[in-house]
Amino acid sequence: MSINSKLISSSIIAQSGISFGTSGARGLVTQFTPDVCAAFTLAFVAGVKRNFVFTQVAIAIDNRPSSYAMAKSCAAALQQLNIDVVYYGVVPTPALAYIAQKDAVPAIMVTGSHIPFDRNGLKFYRPDGEISKADEKVIITELVEFTELCDLPELTASNRAVEAYITRYTSLFDTPWLTGKRIGIYEHSSAGRDLYYRIFEKFGAKVIALERSDKFIPIDTEAVSTEDKLKAIQWSKEHNLDAIFSTDGDGDRPLMSDENGNWLRGDILGLLTAESLNIEALAVPVNCNTAIELSNKFTHVERTKIGSPYVIAQFANLVKAFNTVAGFEANGGFLLGSDVRLNGQLLKALPTRDAVLPAIMLLAAAGDGVISTLVNALPQRFTHSDRIQNFATDKSHRIVAKGQIAPANLLVQLGFDNIEIKSVDETDGLRITLADGRIVHLRPSGNAPELRCYAEAESYTQANDCVVKSLKNIQKV
């Protein structure tokens, strides 16, 4: 192919094998060639230009080895349109989203979030926030002509996104209210590991840095490894910690522990955060803990498909009827759908997943007490989830389809005997509620070739057993 070859975005995207998952375009690193990155970038910009006027696009990355090269490809594509690139380096996704929203410009985050390092992704933001599922369809069908990329520019990072993100939260408190508290930060390869300590120290806490890694660690806040569970308990004892804070790779999903080193489930963290912020109406995915409704803490709860775009899509209707609106996911990401007032200060809406806000609000709610007291006061419903990795997506869909036709038969194959089904929910995958209160939910991942299993029960042991039994027997289906 010659240097001046003309390429069409939709064709390049179709040939790449990359598709949009629950949040962003995801695929193998080998699939994200310079021209594929350019095709996604230019198609995204073409769609945004129909509704917005701008001369800049913001770009940031996570700590994956492949992310910087992908960012350079996106920047090179924008140069063909004479669009200025503001590069923010390695920052959390919500930090990029926040500064782009403040500047009213589109943004591209190069991240694969929690998926393995041999994969990566692109996440897109319009000047008014995260793109919708409709926007995704526009991107993959746009017919944008561009020139094959040759020279990729080196990028110089601005610190504006980091400083604005820190100020967003530190400006809400005028006293060092965490004085006397000891907060551990499990740094690993998180995109925000160089800024989180500044927030907690500003609040007066003693921060203990834990296990920074030079290699990318694919932390999944929805399926925490046994190793990470044991580490947190040990760290808590060793350092006498009041809490441990961490995130997934791109810093939009929190991992927060209590004073004993027990990681909180993301939806429990979200519930406590929403209560602390006095949220009236919530949008949450169908796989979130039913303690949300049982707690009777919210005027309205809307259930959605799994994925932040579906949660965000509900905000437009909810803000018409309620003063304060938010959403969260079982993975912990908290989305603020409306402005709220905290300590007399205005906290602007940030309708994308964020890890810092729930951590702050949980600590604020605990006050001089301990986090476990807040958790134990909630309706005692327990959840667990895990997944089979490298499990063909079409196989996952076939299993779910069989279960939708004959759920009782599927449950027998999964090892559930003498069961009675109370209800079946097909909002996203197959969610079966049993007469004894247990819930089993199978769903193909939208980000990787994985089959996820979620369970809920009256005890953690029951929920765990449901997941272990289901995934063990899934190959027989």
Protein backbone atom coordinates (compact mmCIF):
# COMPACT_ATOMS: atom_id res chain seq x y z
CA MET A 1 0.00 0.00 0.00
CA SER A 2 1.46 3.38 -0.96
CA ILE A 3 2.05 6.23 1.46
CA ASN A 4 -0.81 8.23 -0.03
CA SER A 5 -3.35 5.39 0.04
CA LYS A 6 -6.85 6.49 0.97
CA LEU A 7 -8.69 4.44 3.57
CA ILE A 8 -12.36 4.35 4.60
CA SER A 9 -13.05 4.25 8.34
CA SER A 10 -15.99 1.82 8.30
CA SER A 11 -14.08 -0.69 6.19
CA ILE A 12 -11.00 -0.55 8.41
CA ILE A 13 -13.12 -0.99 11.55
CA ALA A 14 -15.09 -3.89 10.04
CA GLN A 15 -11.90 -5.67 8.99
CA SER A 16 -10.26 -5.18 12.38
CA GLY A 17 -12.49 -7.58 14.27
CA ILE A 18 -12.87 -5.02 17.07
CA SER A 19 -16.32 -4.35 18.49
CA PHE A 20 -17.91 -2.26 21.22
CA GLY A 21 -18.46 -3.98 24.55
CA THR A 22 -20.38 -2.78 27.59
CA SER A 23 -18.11 0.27 27.75
CA GLY A 24 -15.83 1.15 24.85
CA ALA A 25 -14.28 -0.59 21.86
CA ARG A 26 -12.21 -3.57 22.99
CA GLY A 27 -9.94 -6.02 21.22
CA LEU A 28 -6.51 -7.59 21.03
CA VAL A 29 -3.54 -5.23 21.00
CA THR A 30 -2.54 -6.72 17.65
CA GLN A 31 -5.89 -5.60 16.22
CA PHE A 32 -5.38 -1.97 17.25
CA THR A 33 -3.03 -1.04 14.42
CA PRO A 34 -2.32 2.66 13.76
CA ASP A 35 -4.87 2.75 10.95
CA VAL A 36 -7.53 1.05 13.07
CA CYS A 37 -6.99 3.60 15.85
CA ALA A 38 -7.21 6.34 13.22
CA ALA A 39 -10.44 4.93 11.78
CA PHE A 40 -12.15 4.87 15.18
CA THR A 41 -10.87 8.35 16.03
CA LEU A 42 -11.95 10.00 12.80
CA ALA A 43 -15.34 8.27 12.74
CA PHE A 44 -15.94 9.40 16.32
CA VAL A 45 -15.02 13.01 15.51
CA ALA A 46 -17.20 13.01 12.39
CA GLY A 47 -20.21 11.98 14.47
CA VAL A 48 -19.56 14.53 17.21
CA LYS A 49 -19.14 17.35 14.69
CA ARG A 50 -22.80 17.05 13.75
CA ASN A 51 -23.84 18.43 17.12
CA PHE A 52 -20.83 20.27 18.56
CA VAL A 53 -18.25 22.85 17.52
CA PHE A 54 -14.70 22.28 18.79
CA THR A 55 -11.06 22.65 17.76
CA GLN A 56 -9.46 20.32 20.31
CA VAL A 57 -9.71 16.70 21.40
CA ALA A 58 -8.38 15.47 24.74
CA ILE A 59 -6.52 12.14 24.99
CA ALA A 60 -5.27 10.15 27.97
CA ILE A 61 -4.06 6.59 28.60
CA ASP A 62 -3.74 3.88 31.22
CA ASN A 63 -0.51 2.08 32.14
CA ARG A 64 -0.79 -0.72 29.58
CA PRO A 65 2.37 -1.19 27.50
CA SER A 66 0.40 -0.65 24.27
CA SER A 67 -1.55 2.45 25.29
CA TYR A 68 0.95 5.20 24.42
CA ALA A 69 1.43 3.94 20.85
CA MET A 70 -2.34 3.83 20.40
CA ALA A 71 -2.62 7.41 21.69
CA LYS A 72 -0.01 8.54 19.18
CA SER A 73 -2.04 6.93 16.39
CA CYS A 74 -5.18 8.73 17.52
CA ALA A 75 -3.27 12.02 17.65
CA ALA A 76 -1.80 11.50 14.18
CA ALA A 77 -5.28 10.95 12.79
CA LEU A 78 -6.52 14.18 14.37
CA GLN A 79 -3.62 16.06 12.80
CA GLN A 80 -5.06 15.16 9.39
CA LEU A 81 -8.12 17.21 10.39
CA ASN A 82 -6.01 20.05 11.85
CA ILE A 83 -7.52 19.37 15.25
CA ASP A 84 -5.32 20.18 18.25
CA VAL A 85 -4.60 17.34 20.65
CA VAL A 86 -4.40 17.95 24.39
CA TYR A 87 -2.59 14.96 25.86
CA TYR A 88 -2.93 14.29 29.58
CA GLY A 89 -0.73 11.22 29.88
CA VAL A 90 -1.58 8.47 32.34
CA VAL A 91 -4.66 9.58 34.30
CA PRO A 92 -7.88 7.91 35.52
CA THR A 93 -10.67 7.79 32.96
CA PRO A 94 -12.99 9.99 35.09
CA ALA A 95 -10.22 12.62 35.35
CA LEU A 96 -10.10 12.83 31.56
CA ALA A 97 -13.89 12.89 31.33
CA TYR A 98 -14.09 15.68 33.90
CA ILE A 99 -11.54 18.02 32.29
CA ALA A 100 -13.05 17.41 28.84
CA GLN A 101 -16.51 18.22 30.19
CA LYS A 102 -15.17 21.43 31.77
CA ASP A 103 -13.50 22.43 28.48
CA ALA A 104 -16.48 21.29 26.37
CA VAL A 105 -14.31 19.17 24.06
CA PRO A 106 -14.47 15.52 22.98
CA ALA A 107 -12.11 13.03 24.60
CA ILE A 108 -10.58 9.64 23.89
CA MET A 109 -9.34 7.37 26.67
CA VAL A 110 -6.98 4.59 25.62
CA THR A 111 -7.72 1.80 28.08
CA GLY A 112 -8.73 -1.81 28.32
CA SER A 113 -9.84 -1.30 31.93
CA HIS A 114 -9.60 -4.65 33.74
CA ILE A 115 -9.06 -7.01 30.79
CA PRO A 116 -5.67 -8.76 30.29
CA PHE A 117 -2.71 -6.73 29.04
CA ASP A 118 -2.69 -8.41 25.61
CA ARG A 119 -5.94 -6.54 24.98
CA ASN A 120 -6.77 -2.85 24.96
CA GLY A 121 -9.53 -0.45 24.05
CA LEU A 122 -10.78 3.03 23.24
CA LYS A 123 -13.41 4.87 25.23
CA PHE A 124 -15.05 7.97 23.76
CA TYR A 125 -16.56 11.11 25.28
CA ARG A 126 -18.57 13.81 23.58
CA PRO A 127 -18.26 17.32 25.05
CA ASP A 128 -21.36 16.57 27.14
CA GLY A 129 -20.25 13.15 28.38
CA GLU A 130 -19.84 9.48 27.58
CA ILE A 131 -21.12 8.33 24.20
CA SER A 132 -24.32 6.30 23.93
CA LYS A 133 -25.01 2.98 22.24
CA ALA A 134 -26.49 4.98 19.35
CA ASP A 135 -23.20 6.88 19.04
CA GLU A 136 -21.33 3.58 18.88
CA LYS A 137 -23.39 2.53 15.87
CA VAL A 138 -22.57 5.82 14.16
CA ILE A 139 -18.84 5.27 14.72
CA ILE A 140 -18.76 1.85 13.11
CA THR A 141 -20.81 2.96 10.09
CA GLU A 142 -19.24 6.37 9.37
CA LEU A 143 -17.62 6.69 5.93
CA VAL A 144 -14.60 8.87 6.67
CA GLU A 145 -11.77 8.94 4.17
CA PHE A 146 -8.26 9.33 5.54
CA THR A 147 -4.63 8.79 4.63
CA GLU A 148 -2.66 5.82 5.89
CA LEU A 149 -0.66 6.80 8.96
CA CYS A 150 3.11 6.99 8.67
CA ASP A 151 4.86 9.22 11.19
CA LEU A 152 3.38 9.18 14.69
CA PRO A 153 3.98 12.27 16.86
CA GLU A 154 5.53 12.15 20.31
CA LEU A 155 3.13 13.53 22.91
CA THR A 156 3.87 15.87 25.82
CA ALA A 157 1.57 15.44 28.80
CA SER A 158 -0.30 18.29 30.51
CA ASN A 159 -1.08 18.04 34.24
CA ARG A 160 -4.36 19.99 34.02
CA ALA A 161 -6.54 16.89 34.19
CA VAL A 162 -4.82 15.62 37.34
CA GLU A 163 -5.03 18.97 39.13
CA ALA A 164 -8.67 19.57 38.18
CA TYR A 165 -9.66 16.07 39.32
CA ILE A 166 -7.94 16.46 42.68
CA THR A 167 -9.51 19.88 43.22
CA ARG A 168 -12.98 18.52 42.32
CA TYR A 169 -12.92 16.55 45.57
CA THR A 170 -10.57 18.40 47.90
CA SER A 171 -12.61 21.60 47.44
CA LEU A 172 -15.63 19.93 49.06
CA PHE A 173 -14.09 19.90 52.55
CA ASP A 174 -12.45 22.74 54.46
CA THR A 175 -11.07 20.70 57.37
CA PRO A 176 -8.66 17.73 57.59
CA TRP A 177 -11.53 15.44 58.53
CA LEU A 178 -9.56 12.20 58.05
CA THR A 179 -6.95 13.14 60.66
CA GLY A 180 -6.09 10.03 62.66
CA LYS A 181 -7.23 7.64 59.91
CA ARG A 182 -4.81 5.27 58.20
CA ILE A 183 -5.64 4.58 54.55
CA GLY A 184 -3.82 1.99 52.49
CA ILE A 185 -3.62 2.50 48.72
CA TYR A 186 -3.11 -0.67 46.70
CA GLU A 187 -1.33 0.99 43.80
CA HIS A 188 -0.48 -1.93 41.44
CA SER A 189 -0.62 -0.44 37.89
CA SER A 190 -3.65 1.81 38.39
CA ALA A 191 -3.77 4.90 36.19
CA GLY A 192 -4.40 7.06 39.26
CA ARG A 193 -1.74 5.69 41.56
CA ASP A 194 0.32 8.90 41.44
CA LEU A 195 -2.55 11.17 42.51
CA TYR A 196 -4.79 9.31 44.96
CA TYR A 197 -2.50 9.81 47.95
CA ARG A 198 -2.71 13.59 47.44
CA ILE A 199 -6.48 13.54 47.95
CA PHE A 200 -6.44 11.46 51.13
CA GLU A 201 -3.47 13.36 52.58
CA LYS A 202 -5.25 16.65 51.91
CA PHE A 203 -8.06 15.32 54.09
CA GLY A 204 -5.56 14.60 56.87
CA ALA A 205 -5.18 10.84 56.52
CA LYS A 206 -1.94 8.90 56.90
CA VAL A 207 -1.48 7.12 53.57
CA ILE A 208 0.37 3.82 53.25
CA ALA A 209 1.41 2.85 49.71
CA LEU A 210 0.94 -0.84 48.96
CA GLU A 211 2.42 -3.01 46.21
CA ARG A 212 3.16 -0.80 43.20
CA SER A 213 3.85 -2.90 40.09
CA ASP A 214 6.00 -2.18 37.05
CA LYS A 215 3.94 -4.73 35.13
CA PHE A 216 0.31 -4.17 34.17
CA ILE A 217 -2.03 -5.94 36.60
CA PRO A 218 -5.57 -6.58 35.25
CA ILE A 219 -7.52 -6.00 38.48
CA ASP A 220 -11.19 -6.90 38.07
CA THR A 221 -13.20 -5.26 40.85
CA GLU A 222 -16.13 -7.56 40.08
CA ALA A 223 -14.14 -10.77 40.40
CA VAL A 224 -11.49 -10.09 43.03
CA SER A 225 -8.89 -12.84 43.18
CA THR A 226 -8.37 -14.94 46.29
CA GLU A 227 -4.80 -13.63 46.40
CA ASP A 228 -5.99 -10.00 46.55
CA LYS A 229 -8.54 -10.87 49.23
CA LEU A 230 -5.85 -12.40 51.43
CA LYS A 231 -3.43 -9.53 50.76
CA ALA A 232 -5.96 -6.95 51.95
CA ILE A 233 -6.63 -8.79 55.22
CA GLN A 234 -2.89 -9.09 55.87
CA TRP A 235 -2.22 -5.42 55.00
CA SER A 236 -5.00 -4.30 57.28
CA LYS A 237 -3.49 -6.19 60.24
CA GLU A 238 0.11 -5.28 59.46
CA HIS A 239 -0.50 -1.54 59.05
CA ASN A 240 -3.53 -1.11 61.35
CA LEU A 241 -5.57 0.36 58.49
CA ASP A 242 -9.02 1.93 58.62
CA ALA A 243 -9.59 1.17 54.92
CA ILE A 244 -7.78 0.13 51.75
CA PHE A 245 -8.49 1.89 48.47
CA SER A 246 -7.67 0.66 44.99
CA THR A 247 -9.12 0.71 41.49
CA ASP A 248 -9.11 -1.23 38.26
CA GLY A 249 -6.55 -0.37 35.59
CA ASP A 250 -8.05 2.90 34.36
CA GLY A 251 -9.29 4.16 37.71
CA ASP A 252 -13.02 4.28 37.09
CA ARG A 253 -13.98 1.29 39.25
CA PRO A 254 -13.15 1.35 42.97
CA LEU A 255 -12.01 -1.45 45.23
CA MET A 256 -12.60 -0.43 48.84
CA SER A 257 -12.14 -2.46 52.01
CA ASP A 258 -13.41 -2.09 55.54
CA GLU A 259 -11.15 -1.81 58.59
CA ASN A 260 -10.59 -5.59 58.57
CA GLY A 261 -9.39 -5.74 54.98
CA ASN A 262 -12.63 -7.21 53.65
CA TRP A 263 -13.33 -5.83 50.16
CA LEU A 264 -16.81 -4.36 49.79
CA ARG A 265 -18.90 -5.49 46.85
CA GLY A 266 -19.25 -2.63 44.38
CA ASP A 267 -23.03 -2.37 44.64
CA ILE A 268 -22.90 -2.20 48.44
CA LEU A 269 -20.32 0.57 48.15
CA GLY A 270 -22.59 2.31 45.64
CA LEU A 271 -25.62 1.98 47.90
CA LEU A 272 -23.78 3.55 50.86
CA THR A 273 -22.38 6.30 48.62
CA ALA A 274 -25.81 7.19 47.23
CA GLU A 275 -27.27 7.30 50.74
CA SER A 276 -24.44 9.55 51.93
CA LEU A 277 -25.08 11.93 49.02
CA ASN A 278 -28.86 11.98 49.71
CA ILE A 279 -29.67 10.68 46.23
CA GLU A 280 -33.38 10.41 45.48
CA ALA A 281 -33.41 8.28 42.31
CA LEU A 282 -31.04 5.57 41.13
CA ALA A 283 -30.35 3.77 37.87
CA VAL A 284 -28.53 0.48 38.43
CA PRO A 285 -27.94 -2.64 36.34
CA VAL A 286 -30.04 -5.72 36.84
CA ASN A 287 -27.18 -7.64 38.49
CA CYS A 288 -26.90 -5.27 41.48
CA ASN A 289 -27.78 -6.43 44.99
CA THR A 290 -31.50 -6.33 45.84
CA ALA A 291 -30.54 -4.74 49.18
CA ILE A 292 -30.82 -1.48 47.22
CA GLU A 293 -34.61 -1.77 47.11
CA LEU A 294 -34.90 -3.58 50.45
CA SER A 295 -33.08 -0.74 52.22
CA ASN A 296 -35.94 1.68 51.39
CA LYS A 297 -33.42 4.51 51.20
CA PHE A 298 -34.35 5.77 47.73
CA THR A 299 -37.53 7.16 46.23
CA HIS A 300 -37.06 5.36 42.92
CA VAL A 301 -34.76 2.62 41.59
CA GLU A 302 -34.59 1.90 37.85
CA ARG A 303 -32.99 -1.39 36.73
CA THR A 304 -31.06 -1.48 33.42
CA LYS A 305 -28.93 -3.70 31.25
CA ILE A 306 -25.32 -4.07 32.40
CA GLY A 307 -22.95 -1.33 31.26
CA SER A 308 -22.51 2.36 32.03
CA PRO A 309 -24.15 3.53 28.75
CA TYR A 310 -27.42 1.91 29.84
CA VAL A 311 -27.24 3.49 33.28
CA ILE A 312 -26.47 6.90 31.79
CA ALA A 313 -29.34 6.58 29.31
CA GLN A 314 -31.80 6.52 32.23
CA PHE A 315 -30.53 9.79 33.71
CA ALA A 316 -32.29 11.96 31.13
CA ASN A 317 -35.70 10.76 32.33
CA LEU A 318 -34.86 10.62 36.02
CA VAL A 319 -33.61 14.22 36.25
CA LYS A 320 -37.02 15.40 35.02
CA ALA A 321 -38.73 13.93 38.06
CA PHE A 322 -36.10 13.97 40.81
CA ASN A 323 -33.69 16.56 42.21
CA THR A 324 -30.75 14.24 42.80
CA VAL A 325 -29.93 11.34 40.50
CA ALA A 326 -27.08 8.83 40.40
CA GLY A 327 -26.21 5.33 39.30
CA PHE A 328 -23.67 2.65 40.06
CA GLU A 329 -22.73 -0.82 38.95
CA ALA A 330 -21.93 -4.10 40.65
CA ASN A 331 -18.30 -3.44 39.74
CA GLY A 332 -18.32 -0.33 41.92
CA GLY A 333 -18.20 2.47 39.37
CA PHE A 334 -20.32 5.39 40.63
CA LEU A 335 -21.99 7.78 38.16
CA LEU A 336 -23.29 11.14 39.33
CA GLY A 337 -26.26 12.02 37.12
CA SER A 338 -27.09 15.42 38.62
CA ASP A 339 -25.40 18.22 40.50
CA VAL A 340 -25.48 17.75 44.28
CA ARG A 341 -24.57 19.95 47.24
CA LEU A 342 -22.09 18.69 49.78
CA ASN A 343 -20.96 20.77 52.75
CA GLY A 344 -22.47 23.79 51.06
CA GLN A 345 -20.33 23.21 47.95
CA LEU A 346 -21.66 22.33 44.51
CA LEU A 347 -20.44 19.01 43.13
CA LYS A 348 -21.11 18.99 39.41
CA ALA A 349 -22.60 15.96 37.69
CA LEU A 350 -20.09 13.52 36.21
CA PRO A 351 -22.07 10.88 34.32
CA THR A 352 -19.28 8.37 33.89
CA ARG A 353 -17.88 5.74 36.24
CA ASP A 354 -15.75 7.20 39.02
CA ALA A 355 -13.75 5.49 41.77
CA VAL A 356 -12.81 8.39 44.04
CA LEU A 357 -16.25 9.75 44.97
CA PRO A 358 -17.51 6.49 46.52
CA ALA A 359 -14.30 6.09 48.52
CA ILE A 360 -14.60 9.59 49.95
CA MET A 361 -18.30 9.30 50.74
CA LEU A 362 -17.89 5.92 52.44
CA LEU A 363 -15.23 7.36 54.74
CA ALA A 364 -17.38 10.43 55.37
CA ALA A 365 -20.35 8.23 56.25
CA ALA A 366 -18.22 6.15 58.65
CA GLY A 367 -17.03 9.30 60.44
CA ASP A 368 -15.32 8.40 63.70
CA GLY A 369 -16.76 4.89 63.46
CA VAL A 370 -15.81 1.94 61.27
CA ILE A 371 -16.94 0.92 57.81
CA SER A 372 -18.16 -2.55 58.78
CA THR A 373 -20.86 -0.97 60.98
CA LEU A 374 -22.38 0.71 57.91
CA VAL A 375 -22.30 -2.53 55.91
CA ASN A 376 -23.80 -4.63 58.70
CA ALA A 377 -26.71 -2.20 59.07
CA LEU A 378 -27.92 -2.94 55.53
CA PRO A 379 -30.39 -5.70 54.59
CA GLN A 380 -28.29 -8.84 54.63
CA ARG A 381 -28.24 -9.97 51.05
CA PHE A 382 -24.93 -11.32 49.79
CA THR A 383 -23.58 -11.51 46.27
CA HIS A 384 -20.68 -13.19 44.54
CA SER A 385 -19.51 -13.30 40.96
CA ASP A 386 -16.81 -14.91 38.86
CA ARG A 387 -16.21 -15.79 35.25
CA ILE A 388 -14.76 -18.38 32.92
CA GLN A 389 -12.06 -16.67 30.89
CA ASN A 390 -11.25 -17.52 27.27
CA PHE A 391 -14.77 -18.84 26.80
CA ALA A 392 -16.11 -18.29 23.29
CA THR A 393 -18.76 -15.58 23.21
CA ASP A 394 -21.00 -17.52 20.82
CA LYS A 395 -20.91 -20.50 23.18
CA SER A 396 -21.98 -18.24 26.05
CA HIS A 397 -24.89 -16.91 24.01
CA ARG A 398 -26.00 -20.45 23.11
CA ILE A 399 -26.05 -21.47 26.78
CA VAL A 400 -28.08 -18.42 27.75
CA ALA A 401 -30.49 -19.02 24.87
CA LYS A 402 -31.07 -22.61 26.02
CA GLY A 403 -31.76 -21.35 29.52
CA GLN A 404 -34.25 -18.77 28.28
CA ILE A 405 -36.22 -21.54 26.56
CA ALA A 406 -36.02 -24.01 29.46
CA PRO A 407 -34.61 -22.42 32.63
CA ALA A 408 -35.43 -25.37 34.87
CA ASN A 409 -33.52 -27.76 32.62
CA LEU A 410 -30.50 -25.47 32.62
CA LEU A 411 -30.52 -25.24 36.40
CA VAL A 412 -30.50 -29.03 36.68
CA GLN A 413 -27.49 -29.17 34.38
CA LEU A 414 -25.79 -26.56 36.55
CA GLY A 415 -26.25 -28.78 39.62
CA PHE A 416 -29.39 -27.30 41.19
CA ASP A 417 -31.69 -30.13 42.27
CA ASN A 418 -35.25 -29.96 43.59
CA ILE A 419 -35.56 -26.30 42.75
CA GLU A 420 -38.59 -24.12 42.23
CA ILE A 421 -38.30 -21.01 40.05
CA LYS A 422 -39.91 -17.82 41.31
CA SER A 423 -39.11 -15.58 38.32
CA VAL A 424 -36.91 -15.21 35.23
CA ASP A 425 -35.42 -11.90 34.08
CA GLU A 426 -33.96 -11.62 30.57
CA THR A 427 -33.01 -7.95 30.76
CA ASP A 428 -29.35 -8.87 30.26
CA GLY A 429 -28.46 -12.53 29.96
CA LEU A 430 -30.48 -14.92 32.12
CA ARG A 431 -31.26 -14.04 35.74
CA ILE A 432 -33.23 -16.70 37.61
CA THR A 433 -34.72 -16.10 41.06
CA LEU A 434 -35.41 -19.30 42.99
CA ALA A 435 -38.25 -19.75 45.44
CA ASP A 436 -35.79 -19.93 48.36
CA GLY A 437 -34.46 -16.44 47.53
CA ARG A 438 -31.27 -17.44 45.77
CA ILE A 439 -30.53 -15.74 42.43
CA VAL A 440 -28.37 -17.17 39.62
CA HIS A 441 -27.46 -14.93 36.70
CA LEU A 442 -25.50 -15.99 33.60
CA ARG A 443 -24.27 -13.39 31.12
CA PRO A 444 -21.71 -13.29 28.29
CA SER A 445 -19.19 -10.51 28.96
CA GLY A 446 -19.45 -7.53 26.65
CA ASN A 447 -15.70 -6.78 26.87
CA ALA A 448 -13.91 -10.09 26.48
CA PRO A 449 -14.52 -13.77 25.66
CA GLU A 450 -15.78 -14.60 29.13
CA LEU A 451 -18.92 -16.07 30.63
CA ARG A 452 -19.86 -14.31 33.87
CA CYS A 453 -21.94 -15.77 36.66
CA TYR A 454 -23.53 -13.62 39.36
CA ALA A 455 -25.32 -14.98 42.40
CA GLU A 456 -27.22 -13.55 45.35
CA ALA A 457 -28.38 -15.28 48.52
CA GLU A 458 -29.02 -14.87 52.24
CA SER A 459 -25.38 -15.72 53.05
CA TYR A 460 -22.06 -15.26 51.28
CA THR A 461 -21.44 -19.01 51.47
CA GLN A 462 -24.66 -19.71 49.57
CA ALA A 463 -23.87 -17.09 46.93
CA ASN A 464 -20.35 -18.40 46.51
CA ASP A 465 -21.57 -21.98 46.22
CA CYS A 466 -24.03 -20.97 43.50
CA VAL A 467 -21.27 -19.41 41.41
CA VAL A 468 -18.74 -22.18 41.95
CA LYS A 469 -21.30 -24.90 41.14
CA SER A 470 -22.60 -23.10 38.05
CA LEU A 471 -19.20 -22.43 36.52
CA LYS A 472 -17.97 -25.93 37.34
CA ASN A 473 -20.89 -27.52 35.51
CA ILE A 474 -21.19 -25.02 32.65
CA GLN A 475 -19.07 -27.14 30.28
CA LYS A 476 -21.68 -29.89 30.50
CA VAL A 477 -24.42 -27.70 29.07
